Protein backbone atom coordinates (compact mmCIF):
# COMPACT_ATOMS: atom_id res chain seq x y z
CA MET A 1 -11.05 6.37 4.38
CA PRO A 2 -7.92 5.29 2.55
CA ILE A 3 -7.71 4.45 -1.13
CA TYR A 4 -5.52 1.44 -1.87
CA GLU A 5 -4.07 0.40 -5.22
CA PHE A 6 -3.81 -3.19 -6.37
CA ARG A 7 -2.09 -4.63 -9.47
CA CYS A 8 -3.65 -7.56 -11.31
CA VAL A 9 -1.13 -10.40 -11.31
CA LYS A 10 -2.43 -11.66 -14.66
CA CYS A 11 -2.34 -8.50 -16.82
CA GLY A 12 -0.74 -5.75 -14.68
CA ASN A 13 -3.82 -3.47 -14.66
CA ILE A 14 -4.01 -1.21 -11.59
CA GLU A 15 -7.28 -0.92 -9.66
CA GLU A 16 -8.05 1.64 -6.93
CA VAL A 17 -10.23 0.57 -3.99
CA LEU A 18 -11.78 2.86 -1.38
CA ILE A 19 -11.84 1.10 2.00
CA ILE A 20 -14.64 2.37 4.23
CA SER A 21 -14.28 -0.08 7.12
CA SER A 22 -11.54 -2.49 8.18
CA SER A 23 -14.18 -5.22 8.52
CA GLU A 24 -15.49 -4.66 4.97
CA GLN A 25 -15.08 -7.63 2.63
CA ILE A 26 -13.86 -6.58 -0.83
CA GLU A 27 -14.12 -8.80 -3.90
CA LEU A 28 -11.76 -7.63 -6.64
CA LYS A 29 -12.14 -8.51 -10.31
CA CYS A 30 -9.86 -6.98 -12.91
CA LYS A 31 -11.78 -4.69 -15.28
CA GLN A 32 -9.32 -5.53 -18.08
CA CYS A 33 -8.99 -9.32 -18.00
CA GLY A 34 -11.43 -10.51 -15.31
CA GLY A 35 -8.59 -11.89 -13.18
CA ASP A 36 -9.06 -12.22 -9.44
CA SER A 37 -5.44 -12.39 -8.23
CA PHE A 38 -4.02 -9.04 -7.07
CA GLU A 39 -1.01 -7.68 -5.22
CA ARG A 40 -1.12 -4.46 -3.24
CA ILE A 41 1.20 -1.74 -4.49
CA VAL A 42 2.57 1.37 -2.81
CA SER A 43 0.80 4.43 -4.16
CA ARG A 44 2.52 7.63 -5.14
CA THR A 45 1.57 10.66 -3.13
CA SER A 46 1.49 14.37 -3.81
CA HIS A 47 1.38 15.26 -0.11
CA PHE A 48 4.36 15.09 2.14
CA VAL A 49 5.71 16.65 5.29
CA LYS A 50 9.15 18.19 5.05
CA PRO A 51 11.07 17.15 8.15
CA SER A 52 13.25 19.60 10.03
CA SER A 53 16.99 19.10 9.72
CA SER A 54 17.02 16.98 12.91
CA GLU A 55 14.28 14.59 11.77
CA ALA A 56 14.74 11.75 9.32
CA PRO A 57 12.56 8.87 8.10
CA SER A 58 13.25 5.52 9.74
CA LEU A 59 13.05 2.09 8.14
CA THR A 60 12.06 -1.02 10.09
CA THR A 61 12.46 -4.41 8.41
CA ARG A 62 10.96 -7.62 9.75
CA SER A 63 10.32 -11.17 8.60
CA CYS A 64 6.83 -11.55 7.07
CA SER A 65 7.01 -15.22 6.15
CA PRO A 66 9.78 -17.77 5.70
CA GLY A 67 12.23 -16.40 3.16
CA SER A 68 10.67 -12.93 2.77
CA SER A 69 10.77 -9.62 4.58
CA CYS A 70 8.56 -6.55 4.90
CA SER A 71 9.63 -2.98 5.57
CA THR A 72 7.83 -0.08 7.21
CA ILE A 73 8.87 3.54 6.70
CA THR A 74 8.06 5.95 9.54
CA LEU A 75 7.85 9.53 8.33
CA PRO A 76 8.62 12.46 10.64
CA GLY A 77 5.61 14.64 11.36
CA HIS A 78 3.17 11.84 10.48
CA THR A 79 0.71 10.90 13.19
CA ARG A 80 -1.75 8.03 13.23
């Protein structure tokens, strides 16, 4: 069950949301300003896997929508 972080577009407040199911509908309201427009942010982590000298993270970039791109980082030792 992952915890995601979202930033309120209106005031910048960060909210954490625990996602129990991928089909779950979440309604976010900012606890600071009551705003309902959020952007997902990349969370910091305190857990990591140190790759061996032969392994390195890989970056894949793709087009998400006209004029913008998204990137995915694949970490060595990480399994889905």
